[in-house]
Amino acid sequence: MFRPLPRKKEKHRINTNIDSSKVRLVGIGIGGDSSLKNGIYSIQEALQIAQSKELDLVEMNPKLDPPVCKILDYKKFLYEQKKKKKQFKAKQVKVNTKEIRFGPQIGDHDGKVKIKSAEKFLMRGDKVKVFVFFKGRSIVYKDQGKIKLLKFAEEIEEYGRVEQMPIMEGKRMYMILAPKKFS
């Protein structure tokens, strides 16, 4: 079951493509011939063992001296790696951060519109970064901005929780809200 030279996209060198005179075989006593032990073999011996089992000699770590190799079914190995990668990717959760911006003297109606937007984002599972932007001399109303942010958090507490309390950064004060877990 010897395979031809691997295509360029494959990461591992297999069979006759391995360019070392000696290799370290690992994991060969499992489920097969237990008379073989892990250890250093000449490339010819290792290829002979692989051929007798109708499997491939795969170079796992070429950086070591001698390189580490395993005897296995290469196509099955690639398939299982791809499957593991896909499962890992499926388990990852991507969290987006949405921004909502307003001034320190925002009106009640405008504030309610911003709250509705934040509720929508939080219900989708996104984080929300709410910030008050101070233009020109409005920077003297820092306390007013902080009050607005805290009221905003109070209005939206049904959908999200405060992950980070209001912080002043340059000309803007921001607060981060995270969605609540609904069950």
Protein backbone atom coordinates (compact mmCIF):
# COMPACT_ATOMS: atom_id res chain seq x y z
CA MET A 1 0.00 0.00 0.00
CA PHE A 2 2.91 2.33 -0.72
CA ARG A 3 1.77 5.71 -1.92
CA PRO A 4 3.54 7.82 -4.52
CA LEU A 5 5.31 11.03 -3.60
CA PRO A 6 3.01 13.38 -1.69
CA ARG A 7 1.58 16.46 -3.33
CA LYS A 8 3.09 19.79 -2.35
CA LYS A 9 0.17 20.75 -0.10
CA GLU A 10 0.74 17.82 2.29
CA LYS A 11 2.63 18.67 5.49
CA HIS A 12 4.31 15.36 6.18
CA ARG A 13 6.92 13.44 4.25
CA ILE A 14 5.98 9.82 3.73
CA ASN A 15 7.70 6.58 2.73
CA THR A 16 10.57 7.08 0.25
CA ASN A 17 10.30 10.85 0.56
CA ILE A 18 11.97 10.77 3.99
CA ASP A 19 15.58 11.84 3.45
CA SER A 20 17.24 10.54 6.59
CA SER A 21 19.35 7.40 6.99
CA LYS A 22 17.89 6.62 10.44
CA VAL A 23 14.48 7.32 11.96
CA ARG A 24 12.96 7.05 15.43
CA LEU A 25 9.80 4.94 15.28
CA VAL A 26 7.11 5.61 17.89
CA GLY A 27 3.70 4.06 18.54
CA ILE A 28 4.29 0.82 16.61
CA GLY A 29 3.40 -1.78 19.26
CA ILE A 30 -0.22 -0.65 19.35
CA GLY A 31 -2.84 -3.04 17.97
CA GLY A 32 -0.42 -4.97 15.82
CA ASP A 33 2.90 -6.73 16.08
CA SER A 34 3.99 -6.32 19.70
CA SER A 35 7.45 -7.75 18.97
CA LEU A 36 8.46 -4.38 17.48
CA LYS A 37 9.62 -1.79 19.98
CA ASN A 38 9.85 1.97 19.81
CA GLY A 39 13.37 2.97 18.91
CA ILE A 40 15.83 3.99 16.23
CA TYR A 41 15.74 2.02 12.97
CA SER A 42 17.44 2.44 9.63
CA ILE A 43 15.21 3.91 6.93
CA GLN A 44 15.25 0.61 5.01
CA GLU A 45 14.09 -1.36 8.09
CA ALA A 46 11.35 1.15 8.85
CA LEU A 47 10.10 1.12 5.26
CA GLN A 48 10.16 -2.69 5.27
CA ILE A 49 8.11 -2.82 8.50
CA ALA A 50 5.59 -0.34 7.07
CA GLN A 51 5.34 -2.25 3.80
CA SER A 52 4.82 -5.58 5.60
CA LYS A 53 1.89 -4.04 7.53
CA GLU A 54 0.55 -2.39 4.33
CA LEU A 55 0.79 1.03 5.98
CA ASP A 56 2.80 4.20 5.43
CA LEU A 57 5.91 5.48 7.19
CA VAL A 58 5.07 9.09 8.10
CA GLU A 59 7.60 11.66 9.32
CA MET A 60 5.94 13.38 12.31
CA ASN A 61 8.78 15.64 13.50
CA PRO A 62 11.58 16.26 10.98
CA LYS A 63 13.41 18.74 13.24
CA LEU A 64 14.75 16.13 15.66
CA ASP A 65 17.80 14.01 15.01
CA PRO A 66 16.87 11.33 13.99
CA PRO A 67 13.42 12.43 12.77
CA VAL A 68 10.39 10.96 14.56
CA CYS A 69 8.21 8.71 12.39
CA LYS A 70 5.05 6.67 12.81
CA ILE A 71 3.66 3.75 10.87
CA LEU A 72 0.03 4.42 10.02
CA ASP A 73 -2.54 4.75 7.25
CA TYR A 74 -1.69 8.25 5.97
CA LYS A 75 -5.05 9.00 4.30
CA LYS A 76 -6.93 7.96 7.45
CA PHE A 77 -4.55 10.09 9.53
CA LEU A 78 -5.24 13.16 7.35
CA TYR A 79 -8.99 12.53 7.49
CA GLU A 80 -8.95 12.32 11.31
CA GLN A 81 -6.88 15.52 11.58
CA LYS A 82 -9.34 17.33 9.32
CA LYS A 83 -12.26 16.03 11.36
CA LYS A 84 -10.67 17.17 14.66
CA LYS A 85 -9.98 20.61 13.20
CA LYS A 86 -13.58 20.92 12.06
CA GLN A 87 -14.91 19.90 15.49
CA PHE A 88 -12.60 22.38 17.21
CA LYS A 89 -13.76 25.16 14.89
CA ALA A 90 -17.43 24.30 15.53
CA LYS A 91 -16.93 24.60 19.29
CA GLN A 92 -15.46 28.09 19.04
CA VAL A 93 -17.85 30.94 19.69
CA LYS A 94 -17.21 34.20 17.91
CA VAL A 95 -18.25 37.22 19.95
CA ASN A 96 -18.71 40.51 18.14
CA THR A 97 -18.48 43.87 19.87
CA LYS A 98 -20.96 46.52 18.77
CA GLU A 99 -20.49 50.18 19.62
CA ILE A 100 -23.15 52.68 20.67
CA ARG A 101 -22.14 56.32 20.90
CA PHE A 102 -23.89 59.36 22.33
CA GLY A 103 -23.14 62.73 23.92
CA PRO A 104 -23.40 63.74 27.59
CA GLN A 105 -26.61 65.76 26.97
CA ILE A 106 -28.53 63.07 25.04
CA GLY A 107 -32.31 63.44 25.11
CA ASP A 108 -34.70 60.87 26.61
CA HIS A 109 -36.14 59.72 23.27
CA ASP A 110 -32.70 59.38 21.65
CA GLY A 111 -31.53 57.44 24.72
CA LYS A 112 -34.43 55.00 24.38
CA VAL A 113 -33.56 54.40 20.72
CA LYS A 114 -29.96 53.61 21.74
CA ILE A 115 -31.24 51.26 24.46
CA LYS A 116 -33.40 49.38 21.92
CA SER A 117 -30.34 48.94 19.68
CA ALA A 118 -28.27 47.66 22.59
CA GLU A 119 -31.04 45.20 23.59
CA LYS A 120 -31.10 43.86 20.03
CA PHE A 121 -27.33 43.39 20.01
CA LEU A 122 -27.29 41.70 23.43
CA MET A 123 -30.12 39.34 22.48
CA ARG A 124 -28.04 38.24 19.46
CA GLY A 125 -25.16 37.43 21.81
CA ASP A 126 -22.92 40.38 20.93
CA LYS A 127 -21.06 42.48 23.47
CA VAL A 128 -21.87 46.20 23.50
CA LYS A 129 -19.37 48.98 24.05
CA VAL A 130 -21.33 52.09 25.03
CA PHE A 131 -19.45 55.35 25.05
CA VAL A 132 -20.09 59.02 25.69
CA PHE A 133 -18.10 61.26 23.38
CA PHE A 134 -17.11 64.67 24.75
CA LYS A 135 -16.68 67.41 22.12
CA GLY A 136 -14.90 70.66 22.87
CA ARG A 137 -15.86 72.10 26.24
CA SER A 138 -18.36 69.36 27.05
CA ILE A 139 -15.42 67.55 28.72
CA VAL A 140 -16.33 69.45 31.90
CA TYR A 141 -19.48 67.24 32.12
CA LYS A 142 -17.58 64.01 32.85
CA ASP A 143 -19.81 63.26 35.83
CA GLN A 144 -22.90 63.72 33.65
CA GLY A 145 -21.48 61.22 31.13
CA LYS A 146 -20.83 58.68 33.88
CA ILE A 147 -24.39 59.07 35.16
CA LYS A 148 -25.75 58.54 31.62
CA LEU A 149 -23.71 55.34 31.23
CA LEU A 150 -24.83 53.96 34.59
CA LYS A 151 -28.49 54.75 33.80
CA PHE A 152 -28.02 53.03 30.46
CA ALA A 153 -26.71 49.93 32.24
CA GLU A 154 -29.64 50.03 34.68
CA GLU A 155 -32.16 50.22 31.82
CA ILE A 156 -30.63 47.29 30.02
CA GLU A 157 -29.89 44.99 33.00
CA GLU A 158 -32.58 42.53 31.85
CA TYR A 159 -30.58 41.71 28.70
CA GLY A 160 -26.98 42.30 29.72
CA ARG A 161 -24.62 42.78 32.61
CA VAL A 162 -21.83 45.32 33.05
CA GLU A 163 -18.54 43.69 32.21
CA GLN A 164 -16.47 46.83 32.68
CA MET A 165 -17.52 49.91 34.63
CA PRO A 166 -17.20 53.37 32.97
CA ILE A 167 -13.62 54.36 32.17
CA MET A 168 -12.35 57.64 30.77
CA GLU A 169 -10.07 57.27 27.75
CA GLY A 170 -9.04 60.47 26.00
CA LYS A 171 -12.19 62.38 25.05
CA ARG A 172 -14.54 59.49 25.58
CA MET A 173 -15.86 57.52 28.50
CA TYR A 174 -16.88 53.95 27.80
CA MET A 175 -18.46 50.93 29.46
CA ILE A 176 -18.70 47.35 28.17
CA LEU A 177 -21.86 45.25 28.49
CA ALA A 178 -21.95 41.48 28.02
CA PRO A 179 -25.08 39.47 27.18
CA LYS A 180 -26.76 37.48 29.93
CA LYS A 181 -27.01 33.75 29.43
CA PHE A 182 -30.62 32.86 28.63
CA SER A 183 -31.68 29.31 29.42
